[in-house]
Amino acid sequence: MRDSLAAGGKLLICGNGGSGADAEHWTGELLKGFCSRRPLAAAEREKLGESLASELQGALPAIPLTGFMALHTAWQNDCNPDYIYAQLTYALGRPGDTLIGLSTSGNSKNVCHALEVANKQGLRTVALTGEKGGRAAEMAQAAIRVPSSETYRIQEYHLPIYHTLCLMLEDEFFRQRKGSVQLAVIK
């Protein structure tokens, strides 16, 4: 994720149900300050002007593939719904970007199809799953498996993981926090 963002790329995040809500939540934490305000750099402030720049914050480019309601409903009506995230990954992803798929079972067809497209298109891939990992963990270049097979517990474990990743990225790109953030192992 850090390497994608450092190279000018973006993050694409997808999931279904509660994991879809987590994809939206995670994206929201990246698009504005998470634990710090992230004021714009002097050059950006000058370009935008103080009145506009003072109301904006530094952002990390991330797109929740769960949005796009018109496309989602048209795709479900006209095409195979299992390929909606694959279509969005194909359309929006570029080599060097990162696709993050959240799937409690690791077997969500639409998430796995997106991972397949991402891998073939030169994107980095990450999966957050339950303990078994499923196909998503096998397909992703990096997989974070949490120690549960119960959906609600998996989703509860995913929250502190992606919050920690947000803190780490905020530290990396905005350097306003004191100390460093370490990802802890959940047991």
Protein backbone atom coordinates (compact mmCIF):
# COMPACT_ATOMS: atom_id res chain seq x y z
CA MET A 1 0.00 0.00 0.00
CA ARG A 2 2.79 2.39 0.96
CA ASP A 3 4.72 1.65 -2.21
CA SER A 4 1.65 2.19 -4.40
CA LEU A 5 0.88 5.53 -2.80
CA ALA A 6 4.52 6.66 -2.82
CA ALA A 7 4.67 6.01 -6.57
CA GLY A 8 1.56 8.13 -7.20
CA GLY A 9 -0.85 5.20 -7.31
CA LYS A 10 -4.08 4.57 -5.49
CA LEU A 11 -5.86 1.96 -3.41
CA LEU A 12 -9.00 0.17 -4.60
CA ILE A 13 -10.96 -1.50 -1.78
CA CYS A 14 -13.85 -3.97 -2.05
CA GLY A 15 -15.98 -6.33 0.00
CA ASN A 16 -19.59 -7.44 0.51
CA GLY A 17 -22.10 -6.74 3.27
CA GLY A 18 -20.27 -5.75 6.46
CA SER A 19 -16.97 -6.05 4.61
CA GLY A 20 -18.36 -3.66 1.99
CA ALA A 21 -19.16 -1.22 4.77
CA ASP A 22 -15.59 -1.71 6.03
CA ALA A 23 -14.29 -0.91 2.52
CA GLU A 24 -16.21 2.38 2.62
CA HIS A 25 -15.05 3.09 6.20
CA TRP A 26 -11.40 2.34 5.40
CA THR A 27 -11.50 4.57 2.33
CA GLY A 28 -13.00 7.40 4.35
CA GLU A 29 -10.12 7.21 6.84
CA LEU A 30 -7.62 7.60 3.98
CA LEU A 31 -9.31 10.47 2.15
CA LYS A 32 -9.04 12.88 5.09
CA GLY A 33 -7.11 13.15 8.32
CA PHE A 34 -7.47 10.07 10.48
CA CYS A 35 -5.67 11.02 13.70
CA SER A 36 -4.23 14.29 12.47
CA ARG A 37 -5.64 17.21 10.48
CA ARG A 38 -3.16 16.87 7.57
CA PRO A 39 -2.80 20.51 6.51
CA LEU A 40 -1.79 21.05 2.91
CA ALA A 41 1.83 21.74 2.01
CA ALA A 42 2.90 25.33 1.36
CA ALA A 43 3.03 24.83 -2.42
CA GLU A 44 -0.53 23.46 -2.45
CA ARG A 45 -1.73 26.27 -0.20
CA GLU A 46 -0.25 28.83 -2.58
CA LYS A 47 -1.72 27.15 -5.68
CA LEU A 48 -5.23 26.83 -4.18
CA GLY A 49 -5.30 30.05 -2.21
CA GLU A 50 -5.60 30.30 1.54
CA SER A 51 -9.40 30.38 1.80
CA LEU A 52 -9.76 27.09 -0.09
CA ALA A 53 -6.60 25.42 1.20
CA SER A 54 -7.50 26.11 4.82
CA GLU A 55 -10.66 24.00 4.41
CA LEU A 56 -8.99 21.01 2.70
CA GLN A 57 -6.77 18.23 4.07
CA GLY A 58 -4.01 16.04 2.71
CA ALA A 59 -5.49 12.83 1.30
CA LEU A 60 -4.35 9.38 0.31
CA PRO A 61 -6.08 8.37 -2.94
CA ALA A 62 -8.44 5.45 -2.33
CA ILE A 63 -11.59 4.33 -4.10
CA PRO A 64 -14.25 2.09 -2.55
CA LEU A 65 -15.46 -0.23 -5.30
CA THR A 66 -18.66 -0.59 -3.30
CA GLY A 67 -19.90 2.77 -4.60
CA PHE A 68 -20.96 3.41 -8.20
CA MET A 69 -24.63 2.59 -7.57
CA ALA A 70 -25.75 3.17 -11.18
CA LEU A 71 -23.05 0.85 -12.51
CA HIS A 72 -23.74 -1.78 -9.82
CA THR A 73 -27.45 -1.91 -10.62
CA ALA A 74 -26.90 -1.83 -14.40
CA TRP A 75 -24.24 -4.55 -14.12
CA GLN A 76 -26.55 -6.74 -11.99
CA ASN A 77 -29.30 -6.30 -14.56
CA ASP A 78 -27.23 -6.72 -17.74
CA CYS A 79 -24.18 -8.79 -16.79
CA ASN A 80 -22.92 -11.44 -14.39
CA PRO A 81 -22.95 -9.76 -10.93
CA ASP A 82 -19.96 -11.85 -9.82
CA TYR A 83 -17.76 -9.69 -12.06
CA ILE A 84 -18.68 -6.16 -10.89
CA TYR A 85 -15.48 -5.63 -8.87
CA ALA A 86 -13.44 -7.20 -11.69
CA GLN A 87 -14.94 -4.66 -14.11
CA LEU A 88 -14.21 -1.76 -11.77
CA THR A 89 -10.67 -3.03 -11.15
CA TYR A 90 -10.12 -3.31 -14.90
CA ALA A 91 -11.52 0.18 -15.50
CA LEU A 92 -9.91 2.05 -12.60
CA GLY A 93 -6.79 0.09 -11.67
CA ARG A 94 -3.38 0.82 -13.11
CA PRO A 95 -0.12 -1.09 -12.73
CA GLY A 96 1.35 -0.30 -9.34
CA ASP A 97 -1.99 0.46 -7.67
CA THR A 98 -3.15 -1.83 -4.86
CA LEU A 99 -6.42 -3.75 -4.74
CA ILE A 100 -7.56 -4.72 -1.24
CA GLY A 101 -10.25 -7.38 -0.99
CA LEU A 102 -12.11 -7.97 2.27
CA SER A 103 -13.86 -11.34 2.52
CA THR A 104 -14.65 -13.08 5.78
CA SER A 105 -14.69 -16.50 4.08
CA GLY A 106 -12.06 -15.58 1.52
CA ASN A 107 -14.32 -17.07 -1.13
CA SER A 108 -16.46 -14.12 -2.25
CA LYS A 109 -16.67 -14.62 -6.01
CA ASN A 110 -16.72 -10.93 -6.88
CA VAL A 111 -13.70 -10.19 -4.65
CA CYS A 112 -11.76 -13.16 -6.07
CA HIS A 113 -12.51 -12.12 -9.67
CA ALA A 114 -11.23 -8.62 -8.85
CA LEU A 115 -8.05 -10.11 -7.38
CA GLU A 116 -7.56 -12.14 -10.55
CA VAL A 117 -7.91 -9.06 -12.77
CA ALA A 118 -5.63 -7.05 -10.48
CA ASN A 119 -2.91 -9.69 -10.58
CA LYS A 120 -3.09 -9.91 -14.38
CA GLN A 121 -3.08 -6.10 -14.77
CA GLY A 122 0.02 -5.53 -12.58
CA LEU A 123 -1.66 -4.24 -9.44
CA ARG A 124 -0.49 -5.21 -5.97
CA THR A 125 -3.05 -7.33 -4.13
CA VAL A 126 -3.97 -7.70 -0.46
CA ALA A 127 -6.69 -9.86 1.11
CA LEU A 128 -8.18 -9.56 4.59
CA THR A 129 -9.94 -12.80 5.52
CA GLY A 130 -10.84 -15.17 8.31
CA GLU A 131 -8.51 -17.90 9.52
CA LYS A 132 -9.03 -20.26 6.57
CA GLY A 133 -8.19 -17.55 4.04
CA GLY A 134 -10.08 -19.15 1.16
CA ARG A 135 -9.26 -18.44 -2.47
CA ALA A 136 -8.66 -14.74 -1.78
CA ALA A 137 -5.71 -15.48 0.52
CA GLU A 138 -4.24 -17.82 -2.10
CA MET A 139 -4.66 -15.27 -4.89
CA ALA A 140 -3.41 -12.17 -3.06
CA GLN A 141 0.26 -11.23 -2.89
CA ALA A 142 -0.27 -10.46 0.80
CA ALA A 143 -2.97 -11.94 3.02
CA ILE A 144 -3.98 -10.97 6.52
CA ARG A 145 -5.91 -13.82 8.11
CA VAL A 146 -7.57 -13.28 11.47
CA PRO A 147 -8.04 -16.09 14.00
CA SER A 148 -11.76 -16.75 13.61
CA SER A 149 -14.25 -18.41 11.31
CA GLU A 150 -17.26 -16.50 12.66
CA THR A 151 -18.26 -13.65 10.34
CA TYR A 152 -18.95 -11.03 13.01
CA ARG A 153 -15.68 -11.78 14.83
CA ILE A 154 -13.68 -11.61 11.60
CA GLN A 155 -15.18 -8.19 10.86
CA GLU A 156 -14.41 -7.06 14.43
CA TYR A 157 -10.77 -8.13 13.96
CA HIS A 158 -10.53 -6.40 10.58
CA LEU A 159 -11.40 -3.00 12.07
CA PRO A 160 -8.29 -2.57 14.27
CA ILE A 161 -6.14 -3.96 11.45
CA TYR A 162 -7.22 -1.43 8.88
CA HIS A 163 -7.19 1.36 11.46
CA THR A 164 -3.58 0.44 12.27
CA LEU A 165 -2.74 0.43 8.56
CA CYS A 166 -4.33 3.90 8.28
CA LEU A 167 -2.16 5.13 11.15
CA MET A 168 0.94 3.67 9.54
CA LEU A 169 0.16 5.30 6.19
CA GLU A 170 -0.64 8.61 7.87
CA ASP A 171 2.71 8.41 9.69
CA GLU A 172 4.50 7.64 6.45
CA PHE A 173 2.96 10.37 4.32
CA PHE A 174 2.13 13.11 6.79
CA ARG A 175 4.66 12.59 9.64
CA GLN A 176 2.68 14.58 12.17
CA ARG A 177 2.27 11.86 14.77
CA LYS A 178 4.84 11.34 17.47
CA GLY A 179 6.45 7.90 17.60
CA SER A 180 5.84 5.08 15.20
CA VAL A 181 2.92 2.74 14.83
CA GLN A 182 3.49 -0.99 14.93
CA LEU A 183 1.02 -3.59 13.69
CA ALA A 184 0.21 -5.96 16.54
CA VAL A 185 -0.57 -9.65 16.13
CA ILE A 186 -4.10 -10.53 17.23
CA LYS A 187 -4.31 -13.81 19.14
